[in-house]
PDB file of N, CA and C in Angstrom:
ATOM      1  N   MET A   1     128.245  92.610 143.485  1.00  0.00           N
ATOM      2  CA  MET A   1     127.707  93.750 142.762  1.00  0.00           C
ATOM      3  C   MET A   1     128.854  94.698 142.405  1.00  0.00           C
ATOM      4  N   ASP A   2     128.912  95.120 141.171  1.00  0.00           N
ATOM      5  CA  ASP A   2     129.931  96.051 140.709  1.00  0.00           C
ATOM      6  C   ASP A   2     129.453  97.474 140.990  1.00  0.00           C
ATOM      7  N   LEU A   3     130.054  98.132 141.999  1.00  0.00           N
ATOM      8  CA  LEU A   3     129.618  99.478 142.377  1.00  0.00           C
ATOM      9  C   LEU A   3     129.872 100.497 141.284  1.00  0.00           C
ATOM     10  N   ARG A   4     130.900 100.264 140.467  1.00  0.00           N
ATOM     11  CA  ARG A   4     131.155 101.206 139.370  1.00  0.00           C
ATOM     12  C   ARG A   4     129.980 101.233 138.407  1.00  0.00           C
ATOM     13  N   ALA A   5     129.364 100.090 138.188  1.00  0.00           N
ATOM     14  CA  ALA A   5     128.206 100.040 137.297  1.00  0.00           C
ATOM     15  C   ALA A   5     126.990 100.671 137.968  1.00  0.00           C
ATOM     16  N   ALA A   6     126.860 100.487 139.285  1.00  0.00           N
ATOM     17  CA  ALA A   6     125.698 100.996 140.003  1.00  0.00           C
ATOM     18  C   ALA A   6     125.763 102.510 140.198  1.00  0.00           C
ATOM     19  N   LEU A   7     126.941 103.059 140.322  1.00  0.00           N
ATOM     20  CA  LEU A   7     127.072 104.484 140.615  1.00  0.00           C
ATOM     21  C   LEU A   7     127.432 105.289 139.366  1.00  0.00           C
ATOM     22  N   GLN A   8     126.570 105.215 138.404  1.00  0.00           N
ATOM     23  CA  GLN A   8     126.697 106.030 137.202  1.00  0.00           C
ATOM     24  C   GLN A   8     126.284 107.466 137.545  1.00  0.00           C
ATOM     25  N   PRO A   9     126.668 108.441 136.734  1.00  0.00           N
ATOM     26  CA  PRO A   9     126.332 109.836 137.049  1.00  0.00           C
ATOM     27  C   PRO A   9     124.860 110.082 137.361  1.00  0.00           C
ATOM     28  N   ALA A  10     123.962 109.465 136.623  1.00  0.00           N
ATOM     29  CA  ALA A  10     122.528 109.679 136.880  1.00  0.00           C
ATOM     30  C   ALA A  10     122.137 109.155 138.262  1.00  0.00           C
ATOM     31  N   ALA A  11     122.690 108.006 138.661  1.00  0.00           N
ATOM     32  CA  ALA A  11     122.378 107.436 139.974  1.00  0.00           C
ATOM     33  C   ALA A  11     122.911 108.334 141.088  1.00  0.00           C
ATOM     34  N   ILE A  12     124.098 108.854 140.910  1.00  0.00           N
ATOM     35  CA  ILE A  12     124.673 109.757 141.915  1.00  0.00           C
ATOM     36  C   ILE A  12     123.835 111.028 142.010  1.00  0.00           C
ATOM     37  N   GLY A  13     123.408 111.536 140.870  1.00  0.00           N
ATOM     38  CA  GLY A  13     122.539 112.706 140.867  1.00  0.00           C
ATOM     39  C   GLY A  13     121.248 112.452 141.634  1.00  0.00           C
ATOM     40  N   ASP A  14     120.664 111.272 141.442  1.00  0.00           N
ATOM     41  CA  ASP A  14     119.435 110.915 142.171  1.00  0.00           C
ATOM     42  C   ASP A  14     119.690 110.866 143.674  1.00  0.00           C
ATOM     43  N   ILE A  15     120.828 110.312 144.080  1.00  0.00           N
ATOM     44  CA  ILE A  15     121.162 110.220 145.508  1.00  0.00           C
ATOM     45  C   ILE A  15     121.293 111.613 146.116  1.00  0.00           C
ATOM     46  N   VAL A  16     122.003 112.508 145.418  1.00  0.00           N
ATOM     47  CA  VAL A  16     122.197 113.871 145.920  1.00  0.00           C
ATOM     48  C   VAL A  16     120.856 114.596 146.014  1.00  0.00           C
ATOM     49  N   THR A  17     120.027 114.449 144.995  1.00  0.00           N
ATOM     50  CA  THR A  17     118.716 115.111 145.003  1.00  0.00           C
ATOM     51  C   THR A  17     117.855 114.601 146.152  1.00  0.00           C
ATOM     52  N   ARG A  18     117.795 113.269 146.315  1.00  0.00           N
ATOM     53  CA  ARG A  18     116.986 112.700 147.403  1.00  0.00           C
ATOM     54  C   ARG A  18     117.514 113.094 148.775  1.00  0.00           C
ATOM     55  N   ALA A  19     118.836 113.158 148.924  1.00  0.00           N
ATOM     56  CA  ALA A  19     119.418 113.549 150.214  1.00  0.00           C
ATOM     57  C   ALA A  19     119.009 114.975 150.574  1.00  0.00           C
ATOM     58  N   GLY A  20     119.024 115.877 149.600  1.00  0.00           N
ATOM     59  CA  GLY A  20     118.594 117.251 149.844  1.00  0.00           C
ATOM     60  C   GLY A  20     117.134 117.324 150.236  1.00  0.00           C
ATOM     61  N   GLU A  21     116.308 116.548 149.549  1.00  0.00           N
ATOM     62  CA  GLU A  21     114.874 116.522 149.872  1.00  0.00           C
ATOM     63  C   GLU A  21     114.654 115.973 151.281  1.00  0.00           C
ATOM     64  N   CYS A  22     115.335 114.884 151.620  1.00  0.00           N
ATOM     65  CA  CYS A  22     115.187 114.274 152.952  1.00  0.00           C
ATOM     66  C   CYS A  22     115.656 115.215 154.056  1.00  0.00           C
ATOM     67  N   ALA A  23     116.637 116.040 153.743  1.00  0.00           N
ATOM     68  CA  ALA A  23     117.152 116.995 154.726  1.00  0.00           C
ATOM     69  C   ALA A  23     116.244 118.209 154.868  1.00  0.00           C
ATOM     70  N   GLY A  24     115.219 118.292 154.015  1.00  0.00           N
ATOM     71  CA  GLY A  24     114.285 119.408 154.087  1.00  0.00           C
ATOM     72  C   GLY A  24     114.826 120.697 153.482  1.00  0.00           C
ATOM     73  N   ILE A  25     115.825 120.570 152.638  1.00  0.00           N
ATOM     74  CA  ILE A  25     116.396 121.753 151.986  1.00  0.00           C
ATOM     75  C   ILE A  25     115.472 122.169 150.847  1.00  0.00           C
ATOM     76  N   GLU A  26     115.032 123.407 150.868  1.00  0.00           N
ATOM     77  CA  GLU A  26     114.078 123.867 149.864  1.00  0.00           C
ATOM     78  C   GLU A  26     114.691 123.990 148.481  1.00  0.00           C
ATOM     79  N   MET A  27     115.971 124.360 148.414  1.00  0.00           N
ATOM     80  CA  MET A  27     116.659 124.453 147.130  1.00  0.00           C
ATOM     81  C   MET A  27     116.876 123.039 146.603  1.00  0.00           C
ATOM     82  N   ARG A  28     116.666 122.828 145.321  1.00  0.00           N
ATOM     83  CA  ARG A  28     116.830 121.491 144.736  1.00  0.00           C
ATOM     84  C   ARG A  28     118.295 121.248 144.393  1.00  0.00           C
ATOM     85  N   PHE A  29     118.903 120.281 145.083  1.00  0.00           N
ATOM     86  CA  PHE A  29     120.259 119.872 144.767  1.00  0.00           C
ATOM     87  C   PHE A  29     120.234 118.794 143.708  1.00  0.00           C
ATOM     88  N   THR A  30     121.260 118.769 142.876  1.00  0.00           N
ATOM     89  CA  THR A  30     121.387 117.753 141.829  1.00  0.00           C
ATOM     90  C   THR A  30     122.804 117.190 141.876  1.00  0.00           C
ATOM     91  N   GLY A  31     123.092 116.231 141.020  1.00  0.00           N
ATOM     92  CA  GLY A  31     124.437 115.687 140.927  1.00  0.00           C
ATOM     93  C   GLY A  31     125.443 116.740 140.492  1.00  0.00           C
ATOM     94  N   HIS A  32     124.954 117.790 139.889  1.00  0.00           N
ATOM     95  CA  HIS A  32     125.786 118.903 139.447  1.00  0.00           C
ATOM     96  C   HIS A  32     126.232 119.768 140.628  1.00  0.00           C
ATOM     97  N   SER A  33     125.465 119.773 141.700  1.00  0.00           N
ATOM     98  CA  SER A  33     125.734 120.651 142.841  1.00  0.00           C
ATOM     99  C   SER A  33     127.103 120.429 143.479  1.00  0.00           C
ATOM    100  N   PRO A  34     127.531 119.177 143.740  1.00  0.00           N
ATOM    101  CA  PRO A  34     128.864 118.994 144.339  1.00  0.00           C
ATOM    102  C   PRO A  34     129.995 119.479 143.427  1.00  0.00           C
ATOM    103  N   CYS A  35     129.830 119.348 142.128  1.00  0.00           N
ATOM    104  CA  CYS A  35     130.864 119.821 141.191  1.00  0.00           C
ATOM    105  C   CYS A  35     131.016 121.330 141.289  1.00  0.00           C
ATOM    106  N   ARG A  36     129.902 121.993 141.243  1.00  0.00           N
ATOM    107  CA  ARG A  36     129.936 123.452 141.340  1.00  0.00           C
ATOM    108  C   ARG A  36     130.426 123.876 142.716  1.00  0.00           C
ATOM    109  N   GLY A  37     130.020 123.143 143.734  1.00  0.00           N
ATOM    110  CA  GLY A  37     130.471 123.452 145.094  1.00  0.00           C
ATOM    111  C   GLY A  37     131.971 123.293 145.251  1.00  0.00           C
ATOM    112  N   LEU A  38     132.535 122.248 144.645  1.00  0.00           N
ATOM    113  CA  LEU A  38     133.982 122.053 144.700  1.00  0.00           C
ATOM    114  C   LEU A  38     134.689 123.245 144.058  1.00  0.00           C
ATOM    115  N   ALA A  39     134.226 123.642 142.883  1.00  0.00           N
ATOM    116  CA  ALA A  39     134.853 124.761 142.182  1.00  0.00           C
ATOM    117  C   ALA A  39     134.736 126.052 142.995  1.00  0.00           C
ATOM    118  N   THR A  40     133.574 126.285 143.566  1.00  0.00           N
ATOM    119  CA  THR A  40     133.345 127.488 144.359  1.00  0.00           C
ATOM    120  C   THR A  40     134.248 127.520 145.580  1.00  0.00           C
ATOM    121  N   SER A  41     134.244 126.436 146.336  1.00  0.00           N
ATOM    122  CA  SER A  41     135.030 126.371 147.562  1.00  0.00           C
ATOM    123  C   SER A  41     136.524 126.502 147.282  1.00  0.00           C
ATOM    124  N   SER A  42     136.991 125.806 146.263  1.00  0.00           N
ATOM    125  CA  SER A  42     138.409 125.852 145.933  1.00  0.00           C
ATOM    126  C   SER A  42     138.836 127.246 145.483  1.00  0.00           C
ATOM    127  N   ARG A  43     138.009 127.900 144.687  1.00  0.00           N
ATOM    128  CA  ARG A  43     138.326 129.254 144.219  1.00  0.00           C
ATOM    129  C   ARG A  43     138.383 130.216 145.394  1.00  0.00           C
ATOM    130  N   MET A  44     137.441 130.067 146.328  1.00  0.00           N
ATOM    131  CA  MET A  44     137.414 130.954 147.489  1.00  0.00           C
ATOM    132  C   MET A  44     138.617 130.737 148.400  1.00  0.00           C
ATOM    133  N   LYS A  45     139.257 129.588 148.265  1.00  0.00           N
ATOM    134  CA  LYS A  45     140.497 129.322 149.002  1.00  0.00           C
ATOM    135  C   LYS A  45     141.712 129.866 148.255  1.00  0.00           C
ATOM    136  N   GLY A  46     141.476 130.451 147.064  1.00  0.00           N
ATOM    137  CA  GLY A  46     142.537 131.099 146.328  1.00  0.00           C
ATOM    138  C   GLY A  46     143.195 130.275 145.234  1.00  0.00           C
ATOM    139  N   HIS A  47     142.649 129.106 144.920  1.00  0.00           N
ATOM    140  CA  HIS A  47     143.250 128.273 143.878  1.00  0.00           C
ATOM    141  C   HIS A  47     142.923 128.796 142.479  1.00  0.00           C
ATOM    142  N   ASP A  48     143.862 128.567 141.549  1.00  0.00           N
ATOM    143  CA  ASP A  48     143.623 128.997 140.174  1.00  0.00           C
ATOM    144  C   ASP A  48     142.881 127.908 139.401  1.00  0.00           C
ATOM    145  N   GLN A  49     142.474 128.249 138.184  1.00  0.00           N
ATOM    146  CA  GLN A  49     141.643 127.348 137.387  1.00  0.00           C
ATOM    147  C   GLN A  49     142.335 126.018 137.104  1.00  0.00           C
ATOM    148  N   ILE A  50     143.634 126.014 136.882  1.00  0.00           N
ATOM    149  CA  ILE A  50     144.349 124.777 136.566  1.00  0.00           C
ATOM    150  C   ILE A  50     144.294 123.817 137.757  1.00  0.00           C
ATOM    151  N   VAL A  51     144.519 124.318 138.956  1.00  0.00           N
ATOM    152  CA  VAL A  51     144.462 123.487 140.169  1.00  0.00           C
ATOM    153  C   VAL A  51     143.050 122.955 140.365  1.00  0.00           C
ATOM    154  N   ILE A  52     142.068 123.812 140.213  1.00  0.00           N
ATOM    155  CA  ILE A  52     140.671 123.404 140.409  1.00  0.00           C
ATOM    156  C   ILE A  52     140.274 122.362 139.368  1.00  0.00           C
ATOM    157  N   ALA A  53     140.720 122.540 138.144  1.00  0.00           N
ATOM    158  CA  ALA A  53     140.424 121.568 137.089  1.00  0.00           C
ATOM    159  C   ALA A  53     140.970 120.193 137.460  1.00  0.00           C
ATOM    160  N   LYS A  54     142.181 120.155 137.982  1.00  0.00           N
ATOM    161  CA  LYS A  54     142.769 118.875 138.403  1.00  0.00           C
ATOM    162  C   LYS A  54     141.964 118.258 139.540  1.00  0.00           C
ATOM    163  N   GLN A  55     141.534 119.073 140.488  1.00  0.00           N
ATOM    164  CA  GLN A  55     140.764 118.572 141.628  1.00  0.00           C
ATOM    165  C   GLN A  55     139.437 117.961 141.188  1.00  0.00           C
ATOM    166  N   GLY A  56     138.784 118.605 140.223  1.00  0.00           N
ATOM    167  CA  GLY A  56     137.439 118.203 139.844  1.00  0.00           C
ATOM    168  C   GLY A  56     137.318 117.384 138.577  1.00  0.00           C
ATOM    169  N   GLY A  57     138.425 117.155 137.907  1.00  0.00           N
ATOM    170  CA  GLY A  57     138.384 116.342 136.706  1.00  0.00           C
ATOM    171  C   GLY A  57     137.967 117.084 135.443  1.00  0.00           C
ATOM    172  N   TRP A  58     138.037 118.409 135.467  1.00  0.00           N
ATOM    173  CA  TRP A  58     137.734 119.190 134.276  1.00  0.00           C
ATOM    174  C   TRP A  58     138.984 119.298 133.403  1.00  0.00           C
ATOM    175  N   ALA A  59     138.792 119.604 132.139  1.00  0.00           N
ATOM    176  CA  ALA A  59     139.912 119.955 131.273  1.00  0.00           C
ATOM    177  C   ALA A  59     140.504 121.266 131.805  1.00  0.00           C
ATOM    178  N   PRO A  60     141.815 121.478 131.671  1.00  0.00           N
ATOM    179  CA  PRO A  60     142.438 122.669 132.251  1.00  0.00           C
ATOM    180  C   PRO A  60     141.808 123.999 131.827  1.00  0.00           C
ATOM    181  N   HIS A  61     141.282 124.071 130.637  1.00  0.00           N
ATOM    182  CA  HIS A  61     140.693 125.326 130.164  1.00  0.00           C
ATOM    183  C   HIS A  61     139.203 125.159 129.853  1.00  0.00           C
ATOM    184  N   SER A  62     138.530 124.372 130.687  1.00  0.00           N
ATOM    185  CA  SER A  62     137.107 124.094 130.531  1.00  0.00           C
ATOM    186  C   SER A  62     136.287 125.384 130.565  1.00  0.00           C
ATOM    187  N   LYS A  63     135.419 125.544 129.579  1.00  0.00           N
ATOM    188  CA  LYS A  63     134.533 126.716 129.543  1.00  0.00           C
ATOM    189  C   LYS A  63     133.492 126.637 130.658  1.00  0.00           C
ATOM    190  N   VAL A  64     133.040 125.423 130.972  1.00  0.00           N
ATOM    191  CA  VAL A  64     132.064 125.255 132.054  1.00  0.00           C
ATOM    192  C   VAL A  64     132.687 125.690 133.374  1.00  0.00           C
ATOM    193  N   LEU A  65     133.889 125.195 133.662  1.00  0.00           N
ATOM    194  CA  LEU A  65     134.570 125.579 134.897  1.00  0.00           C
ATOM    195  C   LEU A  65     134.830 127.085 134.918  1.00  0.00           C
ATOM    196  N   ALA A  66     135.255 127.656 133.811  1.00  0.00           N
ATOM    197  CA  ALA A  66     135.501 129.100 133.750  1.00  0.00           C
ATOM    198  C   ALA A  66     134.231 129.881 134.095  1.00  0.00           C
ATOM    199  N   GLY A  67     133.082 129.371 133.647  1.00  0.00           N
ATOM    200  CA  GLY A  67     131.811 130.024 133.972  1.00  0.00           C
ATOM    201  C   GLY A  67     131.515 129.980 135.461  1.00  0.00           C
ATOM    202  N   TYR A  68     131.784 128.838 136.107  1.00  0.00           N
ATOM    203  CA  TYR A  68     131.592 128.735 137.561  1.00  0.00           C
ATOM    204  C   TYR A  68     132.480 129.754 138.280  1.00  0.00           C
ATOM    205  N   LEU A  69     133.731 129.808 137.848  1.00  0.00           N
ATOM    206  CA  LEU A  69     134.686 130.676 138.525  1.00  0.00           C
ATOM    207  C   LEU A  69     134.377 132.143 138.305  1.00  0.00           C
ATOM    208  N   GLU A  70     133.827 132.470 137.164  1.00  0.00           N
ATOM    209  CA  GLU A  70     133.440 133.859 136.898  1.00  0.00           C
ATOM    210  C   GLU A  70     132.377 134.301 137.900  1.00  0.00           C
ATOM    211  N   VAL A  71     131.427 133.432 138.170  1.00  0.00           N
ATOM    212  CA  VAL A  71     130.381 133.757 139.146  1.00  0.00           C
ATOM    213  C   VAL A  71     130.990 133.930 140.530  1.00  0.00           C
ATOM    214  N   VAL A  72     131.887 133.014 140.912  1.00  0.00           N
ATOM    215  CA  VAL A  72     132.529 133.095 142.229  1.00  0.00           C
ATOM    216  C   VAL A  72     133.334 134.385 142.344  1.00  0.00           C
ATOM    217  N   ASP A  73     134.067 134.706 141.303  1.00  0.00           N
ATOM    218  CA  ASP A  73     134.909 135.895 141.332  1.00  0.00           C
ATOM    219  C   ASP A  73     134.099 137.181 141.454  1.00  0.00           C
ATOM    220  N   GLN A  74     132.825 137.150 141.107  1.00  0.00           N
ATOM    221  CA  GLN A  74     131.979 138.343 141.205  1.00  0.00           C
ATOM    222  C   GLN A  74     131.407 138.518 142.610  1.00  0.00           C
ATOM    223  N   ARG A  75     131.554 137.506 143.441  1.00  0.00           N
ATOM    224  CA  ARG A  75     130.996 137.572 144.801  1.00  0.00           C
ATOM    225  C   ARG A  75     132.071 137.970 145.800  1.00  0.00           C
ATOM    226  N   GLU A  76     131.691 138.743 146.768  1.00  0.00           N
ATOM    227  CA  GLU A  76     132.631 139.057 147.837  1.00  0.00           C
ATOM    228  C   GLU A  76     132.377 138.186 149.045  1.00  0.00           C
ATOM    229  N   ASP A  77     131.143 137.737 149.200  1.00  0.00           N
ATOM    230  CA  ASP A  77     130.861 136.802 150.282  1.00  0.00           C
ATOM    231  C   ASP A  77     129.951 135.715 149.722  1.00  0.00           C
ATOM    232  N   ASN A  78     129.994 134.571 150.346  1.00  0.00           N
ATOM    233  CA  ASN A  78     129.253 133.413 149.850  1.00  0.00           C
ATOM    234  C   ASN A  78     128.637 132.706 151.051  1.00  0.00           C
ATOM    235  N   ALA A  79     127.348 132.412 150.964  1.00  0.00           N
ATOM    236  CA  ALA A  79     126.659 131.760 152.073  1.00  0.00           C
ATOM    237  C   ALA A  79     127.208 130.378 152.386  1.00  0.00           C
ATOM    238  N   LEU A  80     127.881 129.747 151.423  1.00  0.00           N
ATOM    239  CA  LEU A  80     128.415 128.402 151.646  1.00  0.00           C
ATOM    240  C   LEU A  80     129.868 128.385 152.111  1.00  0.00           C
ATOM    241  N   LEU A  81     130.474 129.525 152.316  1.00  0.00           N
ATOM    242  CA  LEU A  81     131.852 129.592 152.761  1.00  0.00           C
ATOM    243  C   LEU A  81     132.014 128.817 154.060  1.00  0.00           C
ATOM    244  N   GLY A  82     132.895 127.854 154.081  1.00  0.00           N
ATOM    245  CA  GLY A  82     133.144 127.049 155.267  1.00  0.00           C
ATOM    246  C   GLY A  82     132.230 125.859 155.421  1.00  0.00           C
ATOM    247  N   VAL A  83     131.215 125.737 154.573  1.00  0.00           N
ATOM    248  CA  VAL A  83     130.288 124.616 154.662  1.00  0.00           C
ATOM    249  C   VAL A  83     130.861 123.371 154.011  1.00  0.00           C
ATOM    250  N   LEU A  84     131.510 123.529 152.873  1.00  0.00           N
ATOM    251  CA  LEU A  84     132.038 122.383 152.136  1.00  0.00           C
ATOM    252  C   LEU A  84     133.445 122.065 152.566  1.00  0.00           C
TER     253      LEU A  84
END
């Protein structure tokens, strides 16, 4: 079995969503959640957008990534700090 074919983005999203449901987490997690979590955690560790883009596979000046970081930069504390 070719795992690259089996683990397409939609399949990974389904796995993440089901894992959250099985864990009894009321908030709905999606395949998008780990991406945003990576950006959030990395920014809170003090990394700049270029470093975070390399870590997560975004273009260096991604508007989507910039939007994630804008939200993080507006927070002084984050409930997920240290979780990821």
